C-alpha atoms as a PDB file:
ATOM      1  CA  MET A   1     -51.232 -11.083   5.318  1.00  0.00           C
ATOM      2  CA  VAL A   2     -50.032  -7.866   5.050  1.00  0.00           C
ATOM      3  CA  GLY A   3     -49.092  -8.075   8.373  1.00  0.00           C
ATOM      4  CA  ARG A   4     -46.500 -11.013   7.513  1.00  0.00           C
ATOM      5  CA  LEU A   5     -44.857  -8.381   4.085  1.00  0.00           C
ATOM      6  CA  LEU A   6     -44.700  -5.893   6.404  1.00  0.00           C
ATOM      7  CA  ARG A   7     -42.162  -8.189   9.447  1.00  0.00           C
ATOM      8  CA  ILE A   8     -40.303 -10.212   5.649  1.00  0.00           C
ATOM      9  CA  LEU A   9     -39.565  -6.282   4.269  1.00  0.00           C
ATOM     10  CA  VAL A  10     -38.605  -5.267   7.696  1.00  0.00           C
ATOM     11  CA  VAL A  11     -36.026  -8.261   7.902  1.00  0.00           C
ATOM     12  CA  LEU A  12     -34.667  -7.654   4.701  1.00  0.00           C
ATOM     13  CA  LEU A  13     -33.994  -3.731   5.166  1.00  0.00           C
ATOM     14  CA  ALA A  14     -32.232  -4.453   8.638  1.00  0.00           C
ATOM     15  CA  ALA A  15     -30.133  -7.804   6.672  1.00  0.00           C
ATOM     16  CA  ARG A  16     -29.287  -4.653   4.606  1.00  0.00           C
ATOM     17  CA  LEU A  17     -28.577  -2.197   7.133  1.00  0.00           C
ATOM     18  CA  VAL A  18     -26.209  -4.877   8.661  1.00  0.00           C
ATOM     19  CA  TRP A  19     -24.915  -5.838   5.342  1.00  0.00           C
ATOM     20  CA  SER A  20     -24.066  -2.150   4.398  1.00  0.00           C
ATOM     21  CA  LEU A  21     -22.372  -1.769   8.030  1.00  0.00           C
ATOM     22  CA  LEU A  22     -20.220  -4.539   7.621  1.00  0.00           C
ATOM     23  CA  VAL A  23     -18.919  -3.543   4.397  1.00  0.00           C
ATOM     24  CA  ALA A  24     -18.044  -0.153   5.460  1.00  0.00           C
ATOM     25  CA  LEU A  25     -16.138  -1.522   8.454  1.00  0.00           C
ATOM     26  CA  ALA A  26     -14.226  -3.941   5.998  1.00  0.00           C
ATOM     27  CA  LYS A  27     -12.586  -0.794   3.720  1.00  0.00           C
ATOM     28  CA  SER A  28     -12.396   0.982   7.031  1.00  0.00           C
ATOM     29  CA  ARG A  29     -10.000  -1.446   7.712  1.00  0.00           C
ATOM     30  CA  ALA A  30      -8.223  -2.149   4.232  1.00  0.00           C
ATOM     31  CA  ARG A  31      -6.062   0.408   4.651  1.00  0.00           C
ATOM     32  CA  PRO A  32      -5.329   1.592   7.762  1.00  0.00           C
ATOM     33  CA  THR A  33      -5.547   5.324   9.012  1.00  0.00           C
ATOM     34  CA  GLY A  34      -2.418   7.590   7.507  1.00  0.00           C
ATOM     35  CA  ALA A  35      -1.161   4.928   5.111  1.00  0.00           C
ATOM     36  CA  GLU A  36       0.633   6.984   1.952  1.00  0.00           C
ATOM     37  CA  PRO A  37      -1.623   6.290  -1.202  1.00  0.00           C
ATOM     38  CA  VAL A  38       0.759   3.867  -3.531  1.00  0.00           C
ATOM     39  CA  ARG A  39       2.250   6.758  -6.057  1.00  0.00           C
ATOM     40  CA  SER A  40       2.980   5.583  -9.868  1.00  0.00           C
ATOM     41  CA  GLY A  41       6.270   5.698 -11.680  1.00  0.00           C
ATOM     42  CA  GLU A  42       9.162   4.292 -12.879  1.00  0.00           C
ATOM     43  CA  LEU A  43      10.441   1.693 -10.505  1.00  0.00           C
ATOM     44  CA  VAL A  44      14.390   1.313  -9.928  1.00  0.00           C
ATOM     45  CA  ARG A  45      16.185  -1.387  -8.968  1.00  0.00           C
ATOM     46  CA  ASP A  46      18.985  -1.514  -5.649  1.00  0.00           C
ATOM     47  CA  PRO A  47      22.093  -2.964  -6.326  1.00  0.00           C
ATOM     48  CA  VAL A  48      22.585  -3.348  -3.131  1.00  0.00           C
ATOM     49  CA  CYS A  49      19.642  -5.355  -1.881  1.00  0.00           C
ATOM     50  CA  GLY A  50      17.868  -5.959  -4.700  1.00  0.00           C
ATOM     51  CA  VAL A  51      14.524  -4.300  -3.432  1.00  0.00           C
ATOM     52  CA  TYR A  52      12.426  -2.259  -6.225  1.00  0.00           C
ATOM     53  CA  VAL A  53      11.793   1.899  -5.762  1.00  0.00           C
ATOM     54  CA  LEU A  54      10.900   4.667  -6.985  1.00  0.00           C
ATOM     55  CA  ARG A  55      12.941   6.255  -9.165  1.00  0.00           C
ATOM     56  CA  ALA A  56      11.837   9.715  -7.886  1.00  0.00           C
ATOM     57  CA  GLY A  57      11.878   8.748  -4.540  1.00  0.00           C
ATOM     58  CA  SER A  58      15.399   6.359  -4.507  1.00  0.00           C
ATOM     59  CA  PHE A  59      18.603   8.356  -3.558  1.00  0.00           C
ATOM     60  CA  ARG A  60      20.837   8.305  -6.555  1.00  0.00           C
ATOM     61  CA  ASP A  61      24.741   8.106  -7.037  1.00  0.00           C
ATOM     62  CA  GLY A  62      25.093   9.296 -10.824  1.00  0.00           C
ATOM     63  CA  ASP A  63      22.772   6.727 -12.552  1.00  0.00           C
ATOM     64  CA  VAL A  64      22.658   4.137  -9.362  1.00  0.00           C
ATOM     65  CA  HIS A  65      19.538   5.047  -7.419  1.00  0.00           C
ATOM     66  CA  PHE A  66      19.114   2.640  -4.377  1.00  0.00           C
ATOM     67  CA  CYS A  67      16.043   2.648  -1.672  1.00  0.00           C
ATOM     68  CA  SER A  68      18.280   4.122   1.664  1.00  0.00           C
ATOM     69  CA  SER A  69      21.002   6.064   1.741  1.00  0.00           C
ATOM     70  CA  ASP A  70      22.366   2.470   4.012  1.00  0.00           C
ATOM     71  CA  CYS A  71      22.327   0.917   1.011  1.00  0.00           C
ATOM     72  CA  ARG A  72      24.348   4.172  -0.774  1.00  0.00           C
ATOM     73  CA  VAL A  73      26.703   3.773   1.409  1.00  0.00           C
ATOM     74  CA  ALA A  74      27.216   0.448   1.433  1.00  0.00           C
ATOM     75  CA  PHE A  75      27.807   0.654  -2.306  1.00  0.00           C
ATOM     76  CA  ARG A  76      29.829   3.232  -2.086  1.00  0.00           C
ATOM     77  CA  GLU A  77      32.219   1.457   0.142  1.00  0.00           C
ATOM     78  CA  LYS A  78      32.498  -1.765  -1.424  1.00  0.00           C
ATOM     79  CA  ARG A  79      32.688   0.608  -5.129  1.00  0.00           C
ATOM     80  CA  ALA A  80      35.866   2.444  -3.050  1.00  0.00           C
ATOM     81  CA  VAL A  81      37.800  -1.378  -2.119  1.00  0.00           C
ATOM     82  CA  GLY A  82      37.543  -2.868  -4.850  1.00  0.00           C
ATOM     83  CA  ALA A  83      38.584   0.265  -7.179  1.00  0.00           C
END
């Protein structure tokens, strides 16, 4: 009887160890190594491509914000042709 209880206890402990290892592995794959954590801040919309970017990390042209310098250049070119 005691031997059976010990076997059950060992099996349960082994199952818990395997579960803990699987959870740790899943957490390590959740975010790739070197990935930048999400920063908080106000989002603004790029008028050229329509994506939302953090105001603090955007490319600016006056009060207009862009996701990249390419979008800023395209906006300036479009504005120059329309003027």
